[in-house]
Amino acid sequence: MTLDSSVSLMQSPRIEEVVINMSVGQSGERLQKAMSVLELLTGQKPCQRIAKQTIREWGIRRREPIACVATLRGERAFEFLRKGLDTLGNRLSRSSFDVNGNFSFGIKEHIEIPGVRYDPSIGIFGMDVCVSLGKPGYRVKRRRIKNARVGKKQQLTPEEAAKYIAETFGVEVL
């Protein structure tokens, strides 16, 4: 990460977390394969997510595990994000950014990620990647005990987030 000398350390954006979600839609062997793929990609054990309601048309029952998710922070998040953005051809849409500077993108097939080979016994899975960006000190607003308001300068705008991602990862924001 390059740090501009005109920007204070407390005003520079950073990656808070990267959340990778693989929704399979059914429990059993397919979910276990998705969890093994996610563990292979992230280097840590994913958690299962359960269905909140029954949808009979799709064959989903309430409280049935149907997805897996992994949350990455620090160096692992940085490395996975670099690979994930390479999969997209280092291009992001401006509409991917929300009002708080966070952004999301999808990967249709996990075998598109550099360094991953196709295994016919596992199959192909897609995933959603959600990236949370923030400035140091913004945790004051989110914490449970003694939370407080945060000034406007400490809130990240979509423009600042797009500029940070473009400079750090060499991504073209369209």
C-alpha atoms as a PDB file:
ATOM      1  CA  MET A   1       0.000   0.000   0.000  1.00  0.00           C
ATOM      2  CA  THR A   2       1.367   3.387  -0.946  1.00  0.00           C
ATOM      3  CA  LEU A   3       0.687   6.185   1.469  1.00  0.00           C
ATOM      4  CA  ASP A   4       0.472   9.730   0.168  1.00  0.00           C
ATOM      5  CA  SER A   5       2.363  12.176   2.398  1.00  0.00           C
ATOM      6  CA  SER A   6      -0.445  14.745   2.126  1.00  0.00           C
ATOM      7  CA  VAL A   7      -2.977  12.327   3.658  1.00  0.00           C
ATOM      8  CA  SER A   8      -2.978  11.675   7.392  1.00  0.00           C
ATOM      9  CA  LEU A   9      -2.624   8.064   8.523  1.00  0.00           C
ATOM     10  CA  MET A  10      -6.047   8.295  10.172  1.00  0.00           C
ATOM     11  CA  GLN A  11      -7.606   9.464   6.877  1.00  0.00           C
ATOM     12  CA  SER A  12      -6.223   6.702   4.683  1.00  0.00           C
ATOM     13  CA  PRO A  13      -8.634   3.856   3.810  1.00  0.00           C
ATOM     14  CA  ARG A  14      -7.871   0.226   4.607  1.00  0.00           C
ATOM     15  CA  ILE A  15      -9.418  -3.202   4.086  1.00  0.00           C
ATOM     16  CA  GLU A  16     -11.382  -4.175   7.183  1.00  0.00           C
ATOM     17  CA  GLU A  17     -12.581  -7.597   6.021  1.00  0.00           C
ATOM     18  CA  VAL A  18     -13.368  -9.721   2.981  1.00  0.00           C
ATOM     19  CA  VAL A  19     -16.371 -12.057   3.231  1.00  0.00           C
ATOM     20  CA  ILE A  20     -16.685 -14.911   0.721  1.00  0.00           C
ATOM     21  CA  ASN A  21     -20.116 -16.531   0.456  1.00  0.00           C
ATOM     22  CA  MET A  22     -20.901 -19.741  -1.438  1.00  0.00           C
ATOM     23  CA  SER A  23     -24.613 -20.458  -1.539  1.00  0.00           C
ATOM     24  CA  VAL A  24     -25.296 -24.025  -2.652  1.00  0.00           C
ATOM     25  CA  GLY A  25     -29.027 -24.237  -1.954  1.00  0.00           C
ATOM     26  CA  GLN A  26     -28.944 -27.727  -0.457  1.00  0.00           C
ATOM     27  CA  SER A  27     -27.232 -29.600   2.326  1.00  0.00           C
ATOM     28  CA  GLY A  28     -25.287 -32.815   2.101  1.00  0.00           C
ATOM     29  CA  GLU A  29     -22.449 -33.781  -0.179  1.00  0.00           C
ATOM     30  CA  ARG A  30     -22.661 -30.710  -2.438  1.00  0.00           C
ATOM     31  CA  LEU A  31     -22.330 -28.372   0.571  1.00  0.00           C
ATOM     32  CA  GLN A  32     -19.355 -30.373   1.869  1.00  0.00           C
ATOM     33  CA  LYS A  33     -17.647 -30.033  -1.522  1.00  0.00           C
ATOM     34  CA  ALA A  34     -18.286 -26.278  -1.513  1.00  0.00           C
ATOM     35  CA  MET A  35     -16.811 -26.039   1.972  1.00  0.00           C
ATOM     36  CA  SER A  36     -13.691 -27.926   0.854  1.00  0.00           C
ATOM     37  CA  VAL A  37     -13.288 -25.572  -2.132  1.00  0.00           C
ATOM     38  CA  LEU A  38     -13.695 -22.511   0.096  1.00  0.00           C
ATOM     39  CA  GLU A  39     -11.166 -23.897   2.577  1.00  0.00           C
ATOM     40  CA  LEU A  40      -8.735 -24.514  -0.275  1.00  0.00           C
ATOM     41  CA  LEU A  41      -9.150 -20.936  -1.568  1.00  0.00           C
ATOM     42  CA  THR A  42      -8.985 -19.122   1.770  1.00  0.00           C
ATOM     43  CA  GLY A  43      -6.767 -21.288   3.937  1.00  0.00           C
ATOM     44  CA  GLN A  44      -9.237 -21.367   6.805  1.00  0.00           C
ATOM     45  CA  LYS A  45     -12.282 -23.408   7.767  1.00  0.00           C
ATOM     46  CA  PRO A  46     -15.586 -21.908   6.537  1.00  0.00           C
ATOM     47  CA  CYS A  47     -18.793 -21.725   8.586  1.00  0.00           C
ATOM     48  CA  GLN A  48     -22.143 -23.126   7.488  1.00  0.00           C
ATOM     49  CA  ARG A  49     -25.184 -20.891   7.107  1.00  0.00           C
ATOM     50  CA  ILE A  50     -28.717 -22.154   7.593  1.00  0.00           C
ATOM     51  CA  ALA A  51     -31.951 -21.341   5.773  1.00  0.00           C
ATOM     52  CA  LYS A  52     -34.181 -18.850   7.595  1.00  0.00           C
ATOM     53  CA  GLN A  53     -37.418 -20.029   6.023  1.00  0.00           C
ATOM     54  CA  THR A  54     -38.906 -22.887   4.055  1.00  0.00           C
ATOM     55  CA  ILE A  55     -39.246 -22.501   0.278  1.00  0.00           C
ATOM     56  CA  ARG A  56     -41.077 -25.545  -1.047  1.00  0.00           C
ATOM     57  CA  GLU A  57     -40.587 -24.741  -4.733  1.00  0.00           C
ATOM     58  CA  TRP A  58     -36.807 -24.881  -4.290  1.00  0.00           C
ATOM     59  CA  GLY A  59     -36.813 -27.809  -1.854  1.00  0.00           C
ATOM     60  CA  ILE A  60     -35.333 -25.778   1.012  1.00  0.00           C
ATOM     61  CA  ARG A  61     -36.404 -26.446   4.586  1.00  0.00           C
ATOM     62  CA  ARG A  62     -36.062 -24.063   7.500  1.00  0.00           C
ATOM     63  CA  ARG A  63     -32.874 -24.532   9.578  1.00  0.00           C
ATOM     64  CA  GLU A  64     -31.254 -26.634   6.862  1.00  0.00           C
ATOM     65  CA  PRO A  65     -27.602 -25.731   6.109  1.00  0.00           C
ATOM     66  CA  ILE A  66     -27.512 -24.367   2.548  1.00  0.00           C
ATOM     67  CA  ALA A  67     -24.418 -22.147   2.304  1.00  0.00           C
ATOM     68  CA  CYS A  68     -20.914 -21.602   3.626  1.00  0.00           C
ATOM     69  CA  VAL A  69     -19.042 -18.411   4.367  1.00  0.00           C
ATOM     70  CA  ALA A  70     -15.486 -17.403   5.281  1.00  0.00           C
ATOM     71  CA  THR A  71     -14.333 -14.046   6.638  1.00  0.00           C
ATOM     72  CA  LEU A  72     -10.778 -12.951   5.905  1.00  0.00           C
ATOM     73  CA  ARG A  73      -8.852 -10.150   7.547  1.00  0.00           C
ATOM     74  CA  GLY A  74      -5.321  -8.819   7.239  1.00  0.00           C
ATOM     75  CA  GLU A  75      -2.848 -10.349   4.815  1.00  0.00           C
ATOM     76  CA  ARG A  76      -5.142 -13.237   3.815  1.00  0.00           C
ATOM     77  CA  ALA A  77      -7.846 -10.762   2.813  1.00  0.00           C
ATOM     78  CA  PHE A  78      -5.375  -8.747   0.778  1.00  0.00           C
ATOM     79  CA  GLU A  79      -4.053 -11.784  -1.094  1.00  0.00           C
ATOM     80  CA  PHE A  80      -7.502 -13.248  -1.807  1.00  0.00           C
ATOM     81  CA  LEU A  81      -8.744  -9.876  -3.034  1.00  0.00           C
ATOM     82  CA  ARG A  82      -5.778  -9.600  -5.391  1.00  0.00           C
ATOM     83  CA  LYS A  83      -6.625 -13.016  -6.901  1.00  0.00           C
ATOM     84  CA  GLY A  84     -10.352 -12.257  -7.014  1.00  0.00           C
ATOM     85  CA  LEU A  85      -9.872  -8.958  -8.824  1.00  0.00           C
ATOM     86  CA  ASP A  86      -7.525 -10.652 -11.322  1.00  0.00           C
ATOM     87  CA  THR A  87     -10.409 -13.005 -12.107  1.00  0.00           C
ATOM     88  CA  LEU A  88     -12.520 -10.000 -13.124  1.00  0.00           C
ATOM     89  CA  GLY A  89      -9.794  -8.671 -15.384  1.00  0.00           C
ATOM     90  CA  ASN A  90      -8.994  -5.876 -12.877  1.00  0.00           C
ATOM     91  CA  ARG A  91     -12.224  -4.023 -13.671  1.00  0.00           C
ATOM     92  CA  LEU A  92     -15.012  -3.032 -11.313  1.00  0.00           C
ATOM     93  CA  SER A  93     -18.248  -1.218 -11.932  1.00  0.00           C
ATOM     94  CA  ARG A  94     -18.848   1.997 -10.021  1.00  0.00           C
ATOM     95  CA  SER A  95     -22.284   0.635  -9.102  1.00  0.00           C
ATOM     96  CA  SER A  96     -20.523  -2.096  -7.074  1.00  0.00           C
ATOM     97  CA  PHE A  97     -19.708   0.494  -4.379  1.00  0.00           C
ATOM     98  CA  ASP A  98     -22.264   1.409  -1.716  1.00  0.00           C
ATOM     99  CA  VAL A  99     -22.649   4.747   0.123  1.00  0.00           C
ATOM    100  CA  ASN A 100     -20.172   3.668   2.846  1.00  0.00           C
ATOM    101  CA  GLY A 101     -17.407   2.762   0.400  1.00  0.00           C
ATOM    102  CA  ASN A 102     -17.857  -1.020   0.629  1.00  0.00           C
ATOM    103  CA  PHE A 103     -18.073  -3.024  -2.577  1.00  0.00           C
ATOM    104  CA  SER A 104     -19.096  -6.474  -3.785  1.00  0.00           C
ATOM    105  CA  PHE A 105     -18.573  -8.620  -6.832  1.00  0.00           C
ATOM    106  CA  GLY A 106     -19.336 -12.145  -7.932  1.00  0.00           C
ATOM    107  CA  ILE A 107     -17.204 -14.907  -9.369  1.00  0.00           C
ATOM    108  CA  LYS A 108     -19.193 -17.305 -11.557  1.00  0.00           C
ATOM    109  CA  GLU A 109     -16.763 -20.227 -11.459  1.00  0.00           C
ATOM    110  CA  HIS A 110     -14.104 -20.806  -8.812  1.00  0.00           C
ATOM    111  CA  ILE A 111     -11.779 -22.333 -11.413  1.00  0.00           C
ATOM    112  CA  GLU A 112     -11.315 -18.852 -12.946  1.00  0.00           C
ATOM    113  CA  ILE A 113      -9.221 -17.850  -9.908  1.00  0.00           C
ATOM    114  CA  PRO A 114      -5.499 -18.051 -10.734  1.00  0.00           C
ATOM    115  CA  GLY A 115      -3.816 -21.174  -9.369  1.00  0.00           C
ATOM    116  CA  VAL A 116      -7.020 -23.254  -9.048  1.00  0.00           C
ATOM    117  CA  ARG A 117      -7.440 -26.377 -11.170  1.00  0.00           C
ATOM    118  CA  TYR A 118     -10.648 -28.100 -12.164  1.00  0.00           C
ATOM    119  CA  ASP A 119     -11.429 -31.333 -10.315  1.00  0.00           C
ATOM    120  CA  PRO A 120     -14.327 -33.304 -11.865  1.00  0.00           C
ATOM    121  CA  SER A 121     -15.111 -35.014  -8.545  1.00  0.00           C
ATOM    122  CA  ILE A 122     -15.765 -31.641  -6.868  1.00  0.00           C
ATOM    123  CA  GLY A 123     -17.483 -29.654  -9.611  1.00  0.00           C
ATOM    124  CA  ILE A 124     -17.728 -25.907 -10.146  1.00  0.00           C
ATOM    125  CA  PHE A 125     -18.996 -23.357  -7.622  1.00  0.00           C
ATOM    126  CA  GLY A 126     -19.668 -19.637  -7.807  1.00  0.00           C
ATOM    127  CA  MET A 127     -19.210 -17.167  -4.990  1.00  0.00           C
ATOM    128  CA  ASP A 128     -20.006 -13.664  -3.807  1.00  0.00           C
ATOM    129  CA  VAL A 129     -17.184 -11.522  -2.440  1.00  0.00           C
ATOM    130  CA  CYS A 130     -18.041  -8.580  -0.160  1.00  0.00           C
ATOM    131  CA  VAL A 131     -15.265  -6.174   0.831  1.00  0.00           C
ATOM    132  CA  SER A 132     -15.610  -3.797   3.784  1.00  0.00           C
ATOM    133  CA  LEU A 133     -13.375  -0.745   3.689  1.00  0.00           C
ATOM    134  CA  GLY A 134     -12.956   1.819   6.426  1.00  0.00           C
ATOM    135  CA  LYS A 135     -10.713   4.394   7.989  1.00  0.00           C
ATOM    136  CA  PRO A 136      -8.931   3.868  11.297  1.00  0.00           C
ATOM    137  CA  GLY A 137     -11.090   5.039  14.200  1.00  0.00           C
ATOM    138  CA  TYR A 138     -14.442   4.203  12.565  1.00  0.00           C
ATOM    139  CA  ARG A 139     -14.772   1.291  14.979  1.00  0.00           C
ATOM    140  CA  VAL A 140     -15.859   3.839  17.603  1.00  0.00           C
ATOM    141  CA  LYS A 141     -19.238   3.986  15.877  1.00  0.00           C
ATOM    142  CA  ARG A 142     -19.682   0.192  15.617  1.00  0.00           C
ATOM    143  CA  ARG A 143     -18.430  -0.986  18.985  1.00  0.00           C
ATOM    144  CA  ARG A 144     -20.862  -2.187  21.651  1.00  0.00           C
ATOM    145  CA  ILE A 145     -19.594  -0.385  24.730  1.00  0.00           C
ATOM    146  CA  LYS A 146     -19.239   3.407  24.679  1.00  0.00           C
ATOM    147  CA  ASN A 147     -20.069   3.824  21.026  1.00  0.00           C
ATOM    148  CA  ALA A 148     -20.020   7.385  19.773  1.00  0.00           C
ATOM    149  CA  ARG A 149     -20.585   9.444  16.679  1.00  0.00           C
ATOM    150  CA  VAL A 150     -17.922   9.706  14.055  1.00  0.00           C
ATOM    151  CA  GLY A 151     -17.117  12.902  12.180  1.00  0.00           C
ATOM    152  CA  LYS A 152     -17.692  13.361   8.455  1.00  0.00           C
ATOM    153  CA  LYS A 153     -13.965  13.233   7.690  1.00  0.00           C
ATOM    154  CA  GLN A 154     -13.768   9.744   9.216  1.00  0.00           C
ATOM    155  CA  GLN A 155     -16.534   8.325   7.011  1.00  0.00           C
ATOM    156  CA  LEU A 156     -15.446   6.739   3.767  1.00  0.00           C
ATOM    157  CA  THR A 157     -17.086   7.900   0.539  1.00  0.00           C
ATOM    158  CA  PRO A 158     -17.505   5.725  -2.572  1.00  0.00           C
ATOM    159  CA  GLU A 159     -15.108   7.995  -4.475  1.00  0.00           C
ATOM    160  CA  GLU A 160     -12.358   7.568  -1.859  1.00  0.00           C
ATOM    161  CA  ALA A 161     -12.905   3.798  -1.849  1.00  0.00           C
ATOM    162  CA  ALA A 162     -12.723   3.585  -5.651  1.00  0.00           C
ATOM    163  CA  LYS A 163      -9.534   5.656  -5.675  1.00  0.00           C
ATOM    164  CA  TYR A 164      -7.952   3.451  -2.983  1.00  0.00           C
ATOM    165  CA  ILE A 165      -8.815   0.227  -4.829  1.00  0.00           C
ATOM    166  CA  ALA A 166      -7.571   1.663  -8.137  1.00  0.00           C
ATOM    167  CA  GLU A 167      -4.230   2.722  -6.606  1.00  0.00           C
ATOM    168  CA  THR A 168      -3.652  -0.342  -4.427  1.00  0.00           C
ATOM    169  CA  PHE A 169      -4.709  -3.133  -6.783  1.00  0.00           C
ATOM    170  CA  GLY A 170      -4.414  -1.432 -10.180  1.00  0.00           C
ATOM    171  CA  VAL A 171      -8.119  -1.885 -10.822  1.00  0.00           C
ATOM    172  CA  GLU A 172      -9.991   0.178 -13.403  1.00  0.00           C
ATOM    173  CA  VAL A 173     -13.262   1.488 -11.945  1.00  0.00           C
ATOM    174  CA  LEU A 174     -15.800   1.955 -14.748  1.00  0.00           C
END
